[in-house]
C-alpha cells in the first residue's frame, strides 16, 4: 500500500516527503485521468452482490459531513459520510471519495478543504450537496475557513480546516488524508446521523 501511494503521488507530481510541514498551504494535488473502475479481475471477485454489500454495511450508523473547497471557479463541495479522525499526533483526519466524483478534482486542485460536520436539523442541506450537476451553494451561506479559505458553512456544529497530506487508492474510491490546520465546534446541538438510507438523530 505504501509503495502504491508513493507511485500515485509521484505520478501526479505531488511531494512524497513524510513531513507535511514542508508542503505549503493549499498546494494543489493534480488528479489522474478517471480509471476503468475494476479493482480486481472477474475471476477474483468474491461472492458478494453490491446490493447486499450496501444493505449490510448500511447497518453501521455514521455522522454526516459536507467536504468543501474553494478553487479558481469558486466554492465546491459534496456530502460525505465516510469521514473519520485518523491521528492525534500529528492531527490527521481522513475521508473517502468515489473516483468518479466530479467534485474531487476541484478539491485536489485547491490542495485544501474544510470538513463541515452537520447538525440534526441539516438534512436538507446534506441532500443539496448530495446531488450532482446542480448549484450546490445556491442559497447556502458560508464564510472562509481561517487557514485554507475553504467554505465554512454557517450554523454547522463543528468544522475542521485541512490541507491535503496524502491520497491513497482503495478500489473504486480514494482515501484522502488531511492535515488539520484549524478547527472549532459548539458544545450544544445534536448531530445528524445516517442509518440504513435514512437520516436520524442521537438520543442518549
C-alpha atoms as a PDB file:
ATOM      1  CA  UNK A   1       0.000   0.000   0.000  1.00  0.00           C
ATOM      2  CA  UNK A   2       2.821   2.434   0.876  1.00  0.00           C
ATOM      3  CA  UNK A   3       4.540   1.805  -2.458  1.00  0.00           C
ATOM      4  CA  UNK A   4       1.253   2.337  -4.290  1.00  0.00           C
ATOM      5  CA  UNK A   5       0.737   5.654  -2.526  1.00  0.00           C
ATOM      6  CA  UNK A   6       4.248   6.827  -3.415  1.00  0.00           C
ATOM      7  CA  UNK A   7       3.762   5.867  -7.060  1.00  0.00           C
ATOM      8  CA  UNK A   8       0.439   7.707  -7.104  1.00  0.00           C
ATOM      9  CA  UNK A   9       1.877  10.865  -5.578  1.00  0.00           C
ATOM     10  CA  UNK A  10       4.842  10.834  -7.934  1.00  0.00           C
ATOM     11  CA  UNK A  11       2.552  10.312 -10.935  1.00  0.00           C
ATOM     12  CA  UNK A  12       0.596  13.455 -10.068  1.00  0.00           C
ATOM     13  CA  UNK A  13       3.684  15.470  -9.251  1.00  0.00           C
ATOM     14  CA  UNK A  14       2.967  15.725  -5.524  1.00  0.00           C
ATOM     15  CA  UNK A  15       5.728  15.772  -2.881  1.00  0.00           C
ATOM     16  CA  UNK A  16       6.424  12.457  -1.199  1.00  0.00           C
ATOM     17  CA  UNK A  17       8.218  13.774   1.884  1.00  0.00           C
ATOM     18  CA  UNK A  18       6.772  12.421   5.094  1.00  0.00           C
ATOM     19  CA  UNK A  19       6.949  15.789   6.870  1.00  0.00           C
ATOM     20  CA  UNK A  20       3.745  17.698   5.989  1.00  0.00           C
ATOM     21  CA  UNK A  21       5.304  20.907   7.256  1.00  0.00           C
ATOM     22  CA  UNK A  22       7.353  21.068   4.044  1.00  0.00           C
ATOM     23  CA  UNK A  23       4.196  21.399   1.933  1.00  0.00           C
ATOM     24  CA  UNK A  24       2.739  24.914   1.639  1.00  0.00           C
ATOM     25  CA  UNK A  25      -0.906  25.540   2.488  1.00  0.00           C
ATOM     26  CA  UNK A  26      -3.166  24.914  -0.475  1.00  0.00           C
ATOM     27  CA  UNK A  27      -0.615  23.121  -2.650  1.00  0.00           C
ATOM     28  CA  UNK A  28      -2.664  21.567  -5.487  1.00  0.00           C
ATOM     29  CA  UNK A  29      -2.908  17.824  -5.946  1.00  0.00           C
ATOM     30  CA  UNK A  30      -3.331  17.082  -9.643  1.00  0.00           C
ATOM     31  CA  UNK A  31      -5.590  14.109 -10.257  1.00  0.00           C
ATOM     32  CA  UNK A  32      -5.122  11.156 -12.549  1.00  0.00           C
ATOM     33  CA  UNK A  33      -7.471  10.589 -15.503  1.00  0.00           C
ATOM     34  CA  UNK A  34     -10.549   8.663 -14.499  1.00  0.00           C
ATOM     35  CA  UNK A  35      -9.719   4.961 -14.482  1.00  0.00           C
ATOM     36  CA  UNK A  36     -11.613   1.942 -15.659  1.00  0.00           C
ATOM     37  CA  UNK A  37     -13.131   1.089 -12.288  1.00  0.00           C
ATOM     38  CA  UNK A  38     -12.065  -2.525 -11.944  1.00  0.00           C
ATOM     39  CA  UNK A  39     -10.370  -3.174  -8.669  1.00  0.00           C
ATOM     40  CA  UNK A  40      -9.959  -6.933  -9.270  1.00  0.00           C
ATOM     41  CA  UNK A  41     -10.267  -9.335 -12.163  1.00  0.00           C
ATOM     42  CA  UNK A  42     -13.582 -11.011 -12.939  1.00  0.00           C
ATOM     43  CA  UNK A  43     -12.172 -14.335 -11.770  1.00  0.00           C
ATOM     44  CA  UNK A  44     -11.092 -12.808  -8.442  1.00  0.00           C
ATOM     45  CA  UNK A  45     -14.389 -11.270  -7.382  1.00  0.00           C
ATOM     46  CA  UNK A  46     -15.804 -12.505  -4.055  1.00  0.00           C
ATOM     47  CA  UNK A  47     -19.365 -13.836  -3.962  1.00  0.00           C
ATOM     48  CA  UNK A  48     -20.827 -10.567  -2.635  1.00  0.00           C
ATOM     49  CA  UNK A  49     -23.541  -8.735  -4.550  1.00  0.00           C
ATOM     50  CA  UNK A  50     -23.275  -4.919  -4.487  1.00  0.00           C
ATOM     51  CA  UNK A  51     -26.867  -4.519  -3.245  1.00  0.00           C
ATOM     52  CA  UNK A  52     -26.242  -6.939  -0.387  1.00  0.00           C
ATOM     53  CA  UNK A  53     -22.978  -5.189   0.433  1.00  0.00           C
ATOM     54  CA  UNK A  54     -24.805  -1.843   0.704  1.00  0.00           C
ATOM     55  CA  UNK A  55     -27.648  -3.345   2.729  1.00  0.00           C
ATOM     56  CA  UNK A  56     -25.393  -4.937   5.334  1.00  0.00           C
ATOM     57  CA  UNK A  57     -22.962  -2.006   5.627  1.00  0.00           C
ATOM     58  CA  UNK A  58     -25.955   0.329   5.937  1.00  0.00           C
ATOM     59  CA  UNK A  59     -26.448  -1.029   9.463  1.00  0.00           C
ATOM     60  CA  UNK A  60     -23.368   0.929  10.523  1.00  0.00           C
ATOM     61  CA  UNK A  61     -24.656   4.352  11.610  1.00  0.00           C
ATOM     62  CA  UNK A  62     -22.466   7.337  10.775  1.00  0.00           C
ATOM     63  CA  UNK A  63     -22.369  11.055  11.162  1.00  0.00           C
ATOM     64  CA  UNK A  64     -22.734  13.238   8.068  1.00  0.00           C
ATOM     65  CA  UNK A  65     -20.373  15.904   6.738  1.00  0.00           C
ATOM     66  CA  UNK A  66     -20.033  18.235   3.788  1.00  0.00           C
ATOM     67  CA  UNK A  67     -16.484  18.496   2.447  1.00  0.00           C
ATOM     68  CA  UNK A  68     -15.858  21.861   0.789  1.00  0.00           C
ATOM     69  CA  UNK A  69     -13.053  23.607  -1.080  1.00  0.00           C
ATOM     70  CA  UNK A  70     -12.501  26.859  -2.928  1.00  0.00           C
ATOM     71  CA  UNK A  71     -10.725  26.871  -6.292  1.00  0.00           C
ATOM     72  CA  UNK A  72     -10.437  29.314  -9.191  1.00  0.00           C
ATOM     73  CA  UNK A  73     -14.035  28.556 -10.175  1.00  0.00           C
ATOM     74  CA  UNK A  74     -15.441  29.324  -6.721  1.00  0.00           C
ATOM     75  CA  UNK A  75     -16.836  27.058  -3.995  1.00  0.00           C
ATOM     76  CA  UNK A  76     -17.202  23.295  -4.399  1.00  0.00           C
ATOM     77  CA  UNK A  77     -18.431  20.579  -2.068  1.00  0.00           C
ATOM     78  CA  UNK A  78     -20.058  17.193  -1.632  1.00  0.00           C
ATOM     79  CA  UNK A  79     -21.882  15.271   1.095  1.00  0.00           C
ATOM     80  CA  UNK A  80     -19.678  12.684   2.766  1.00  0.00           C
ATOM     81  CA  UNK A  81     -20.432  10.126   5.473  1.00  0.00           C
ATOM     82  CA  UNK A  82     -17.142   8.232   5.133  1.00  0.00           C
ATOM     83  CA  UNK A  83     -15.199  10.593   7.390  1.00  0.00           C
ATOM     84  CA  UNK A  84     -13.084   9.719  10.418  1.00  0.00           C
ATOM     85  CA  UNK A  85     -10.405  11.038  12.731  1.00  0.00           C
ATOM     86  CA  UNK A  86      -7.104   9.335  11.981  1.00  0.00           C
ATOM     87  CA  UNK A  87      -4.267  10.596  14.168  1.00  0.00           C
ATOM     88  CA  UNK A  88      -3.826  12.830  17.201  1.00  0.00           C
ATOM     89  CA  UNK A  89      -0.086  13.473  16.757  1.00  0.00           C
ATOM     90  CA  UNK A  90       0.140  14.784  14.109  1.00  0.00           C
ATOM     91  CA  UNK A  91      -3.527  15.822  13.826  1.00  0.00           C
ATOM     92  CA  UNK A  92      -4.891  13.958  10.801  1.00  0.00           C
ATOM     93  CA  UNK A  93      -8.345  13.128   9.501  1.00  0.00           C
ATOM     94  CA  UNK A  94      -9.470  11.065   6.513  1.00  0.00           C
ATOM     95  CA  UNK A  95     -12.399  10.827   4.159  1.00  0.00           C
ATOM     96  CA  UNK A  96     -13.236   8.573   1.230  1.00  0.00           C
ATOM     97  CA  UNK A  97     -14.461   9.803  -2.140  1.00  0.00           C
ATOM     98  CA  UNK A  98     -15.530   7.905  -5.261  1.00  0.00           C
ATOM     99  CA  UNK A  99     -13.018   8.013  -8.086  1.00  0.00           C
ATOM    100  CA  UNK A 100     -15.890   9.074 -10.372  1.00  0.00           C
ATOM    101  CA  UNK A 101     -16.619  12.178  -8.274  1.00  0.00           C
ATOM    102  CA  UNK A 102     -16.759  15.403 -10.264  1.00  0.00           C
ATOM    103  CA  UNK A 103     -16.083  17.471  -7.123  1.00  0.00           C
ATOM    104  CA  UNK A 104     -12.921  15.674  -6.020  1.00  0.00           C
ATOM    105  CA  UNK A 105     -10.741  17.056  -8.874  1.00  0.00           C
ATOM    106  CA  UNK A 106     -11.613  20.579  -7.734  1.00  0.00           C
ATOM    107  CA  UNK A 107     -10.719  19.780  -4.127  1.00  0.00           C
ATOM    108  CA  UNK A 108      -7.472  18.201  -5.316  1.00  0.00           C
ATOM    109  CA  UNK A 109      -6.613  21.300  -7.364  1.00  0.00           C
ATOM    110  CA  UNK A 110      -7.295  23.503  -4.339  1.00  0.00           C
ATOM    111  CA  UNK A 111      -4.992  21.358  -2.189  1.00  0.00           C
ATOM    112  CA  UNK A 112      -7.117  22.082   0.873  1.00  0.00           C
ATOM    113  CA  UNK A 113     -10.628  21.542   2.208  1.00  0.00           C
ATOM    114  CA  UNK A 114     -12.957  22.072   5.148  1.00  0.00           C
ATOM    115  CA  UNK A 115     -14.996  19.278   6.720  1.00  0.00           C
ATOM    116  CA  UNK A 116     -18.348  20.657   7.884  1.00  0.00           C
ATOM    117  CA  UNK A 117     -19.993  18.358  10.454  1.00  0.00           C
ATOM    118  CA  UNK A 118     -23.768  18.622  10.064  1.00  0.00           C
ATOM    119  CA  UNK A 119     -26.323  19.017  12.838  1.00  0.00           C
ATOM    120  CA  UNK A 120     -29.600  17.176  13.340  1.00  0.00           C
ATOM    121  CA  UNK A 121     -31.666  19.829  11.542  1.00  0.00           C
ATOM    122  CA  UNK A 122     -29.445  19.978   8.436  1.00  0.00           C
ATOM    123  CA  UNK A 123     -30.754  17.013   6.469  1.00  0.00           C
ATOM    124  CA  UNK A 124     -31.950  19.228   3.612  1.00  0.00           C
ATOM    125  CA  UNK A 125     -28.559  20.909   3.459  1.00  0.00           C
ATOM    126  CA  UNK A 126     -26.984  17.478   3.120  1.00  0.00           C
ATOM    127  CA  UNK A 127     -29.378  16.496   0.336  1.00  0.00           C
ATOM    128  CA  UNK A 128     -28.438  19.628  -1.572  1.00  0.00           C
ATOM    129  CA  UNK A 129     -24.776  18.639  -1.526  1.00  0.00           C
ATOM    130  CA  UNK A 130     -25.536  15.009  -2.419  1.00  0.00           C
ATOM    131  CA  UNK A 131     -26.824  15.815  -5.916  1.00  0.00           C
ATOM    132  CA  UNK A 132     -24.621  16.080  -8.994  1.00  0.00           C
ATOM    133  CA  UNK A 133     -24.703  18.834 -11.567  1.00  0.00           C
ATOM    134  CA  UNK A 134     -26.692  21.370  -9.537  1.00  0.00           C
ATOM    135  CA  UNK A 135     -25.562  24.654  -7.996  1.00  0.00           C
ATOM    136  CA  UNK A 136     -24.945  23.198  -4.555  1.00  0.00           C
ATOM    137  CA  UNK A 137     -24.199  26.564  -2.970  1.00  0.00           C
ATOM    138  CA  UNK A 138     -27.418  28.262  -4.125  1.00  0.00           C
ATOM    139  CA  UNK A 139     -28.918  29.850  -1.020  1.00  0.00           C
ATOM    140  CA  UNK A 140     -26.165  28.451   1.213  1.00  0.00           C
ATOM    141  CA  UNK A 141     -24.376  30.946   3.425  1.00  0.00           C
ATOM    142  CA  UNK A 142     -20.768  30.440   4.453  1.00  0.00           C
ATOM    143  CA  UNK A 143     -17.578  32.225   5.389  1.00  0.00           C
ATOM    144  CA  UNK A 144     -13.984  31.245   4.733  1.00  0.00           C
ATOM    145  CA  UNK A 145     -12.058  28.861   6.983  1.00  0.00           C
ATOM    146  CA  UNK A 146      -9.219  30.710   8.730  1.00  0.00           C
ATOM    147  CA  UNK A 147      -6.192  28.920   7.258  1.00  0.00           C
ATOM    148  CA  UNK A 148      -7.122  27.460   3.869  1.00  0.00           C
ATOM    149  CA  UNK A 149     -10.023  29.719   2.885  1.00  0.00           C
ATOM    150  CA  UNK A 150     -12.266  26.726   2.144  1.00  0.00           C
ATOM    151  CA  UNK A 151     -16.010  27.358   2.652  1.00  0.00           C
ATOM    152  CA  UNK A 152     -17.075  27.005   6.279  1.00  0.00           C
ATOM    153  CA  UNK A 153     -20.847  26.563   6.237  1.00  0.00           C
ATOM    154  CA  UNK A 154     -22.903  28.685   8.590  1.00  0.00           C
ATOM    155  CA  UNK A 155     -24.567  27.040  11.604  1.00  0.00           C
ATOM    156  CA  UNK A 156     -22.673  23.746  11.483  1.00  0.00           C
ATOM    157  CA  UNK A 157     -21.862  22.394  14.951  1.00  0.00           C
ATOM    158  CA  UNK A 158     -18.233  21.633  14.046  1.00  0.00           C
ATOM    159  CA  UNK A 159     -15.694  22.270  11.294  1.00  0.00           C
ATOM    160  CA  UNK A 160     -12.161  21.063  10.504  1.00  0.00           C
ATOM    161  CA  UNK A 161      -9.896  23.104   8.194  1.00  0.00           C
ATOM    162  CA  UNK A 162      -7.309  20.915   6.429  1.00  0.00           C
ATOM    163  CA  UNK A 163      -4.612  20.701   3.817  1.00  0.00           C
ATOM    164  CA  UNK A 164      -4.272  17.533   1.739  1.00  0.00           C
ATOM    165  CA  UNK A 165      -1.395  15.408   3.021  1.00  0.00           C
ATOM    166  CA  UNK A 166      -1.678  12.142   1.093  1.00  0.00           C
ATOM    167  CA  UNK A 167      -4.066  10.297  -1.209  1.00  0.00           C
ATOM    168  CA  UNK A 168      -4.299   6.503  -1.346  1.00  0.00           C
ATOM    169  CA  UNK A 169      -6.201   4.266  -3.739  1.00  0.00           C
ATOM    170  CA  UNK A 170      -8.884   1.996  -2.303  1.00  0.00           C
ATOM    171  CA  UNK A 171     -10.724   0.078  -5.025  1.00  0.00           C
ATOM    172  CA  UNK A 172     -13.276   2.364  -6.655  1.00  0.00           C
ATOM    173  CA  UNK A 173     -12.609   5.077  -4.030  1.00  0.00           C
ATOM    174  CA  UNK A 174      -9.740   7.308  -2.963  1.00  0.00           C
ATOM    175  CA  UNK A 175      -8.669   7.652   0.665  1.00  0.00           C
ATOM    176  CA  UNK A 176      -7.807  11.286   1.310  1.00  0.00           C
ATOM    177  CA  UNK A 177      -5.730  12.114   4.386  1.00  0.00           C
ATOM    178  CA  UNK A 178      -5.867  15.710   5.596  1.00  0.00           C
ATOM    179  CA  UNK A 179      -3.549  17.579   7.973  1.00  0.00           C
ATOM    180  CA  UNK A 180      -5.661  19.640  10.386  1.00  0.00           C
ATOM    181  CA  UNK A 181      -4.745  23.324  10.312  1.00  0.00           C
ATOM    182  CA  UNK A 182      -7.620  24.720  12.399  1.00  0.00           C
ATOM    183  CA  UNK A 183     -10.916  23.536  13.852  1.00  0.00           C
ATOM    184  CA  UNK A 184     -13.804  24.596  16.018  1.00  0.00           C
ATOM    185  CA  UNK A 185     -17.133  23.465  17.475  1.00  0.00           C
ATOM    186  CA  UNK A 186     -20.099  24.482  19.588  1.00  0.00           C
ATOM    187  CA  UNK A 187     -20.997  22.374  22.598  1.00  0.00           C
ATOM    188  CA  UNK A 188     -24.765  22.340  22.181  1.00  0.00           C
ATOM    189  CA  UNK A 189     -26.887  20.690  19.493  1.00  0.00           C
ATOM    190  CA  UNK A 190     -27.401  17.124  18.279  1.00  0.00           C
ATOM    191  CA  UNK A 191     -25.600  15.534  15.309  1.00  0.00           C
ATOM    192  CA  UNK A 192     -27.182  14.439  12.033  1.00  0.00           C
ATOM    193  CA  UNK A 193     -26.967  10.641  11.736  1.00  0.00           C
ATOM    194  CA  UNK A 194     -27.345   8.354   8.725  1.00  0.00           C
ATOM    195  CA  UNK A 195     -28.547   4.765   9.109  1.00  0.00           C
ATOM    196  CA  UNK A 196     -29.967   2.340   6.549  1.00  0.00           C
ATOM    197  CA  UNK A 197     -30.600   5.046   3.980  1.00  0.00           C
ATOM    198  CA  UNK A 198     -32.340   7.467   6.344  1.00  0.00           C
ATOM    199  CA  UNK A 199     -31.422  10.498   8.443  1.00  0.00           C
ATOM    200  CA  UNK A 200     -31.959  10.422  12.190  1.00  0.00           C
ATOM    201  CA  UNK A 201     -30.778  11.997  15.423  1.00  0.00           C
ATOM    202  CA  UNK A 202     -28.900  10.883  18.505  1.00  0.00           C
ATOM    203  CA  UNK A 203     -30.824  10.092  21.685  1.00  0.00           C
ATOM    204  CA  UNK A 204     -28.769   9.437  24.848  1.00  0.00           C
END
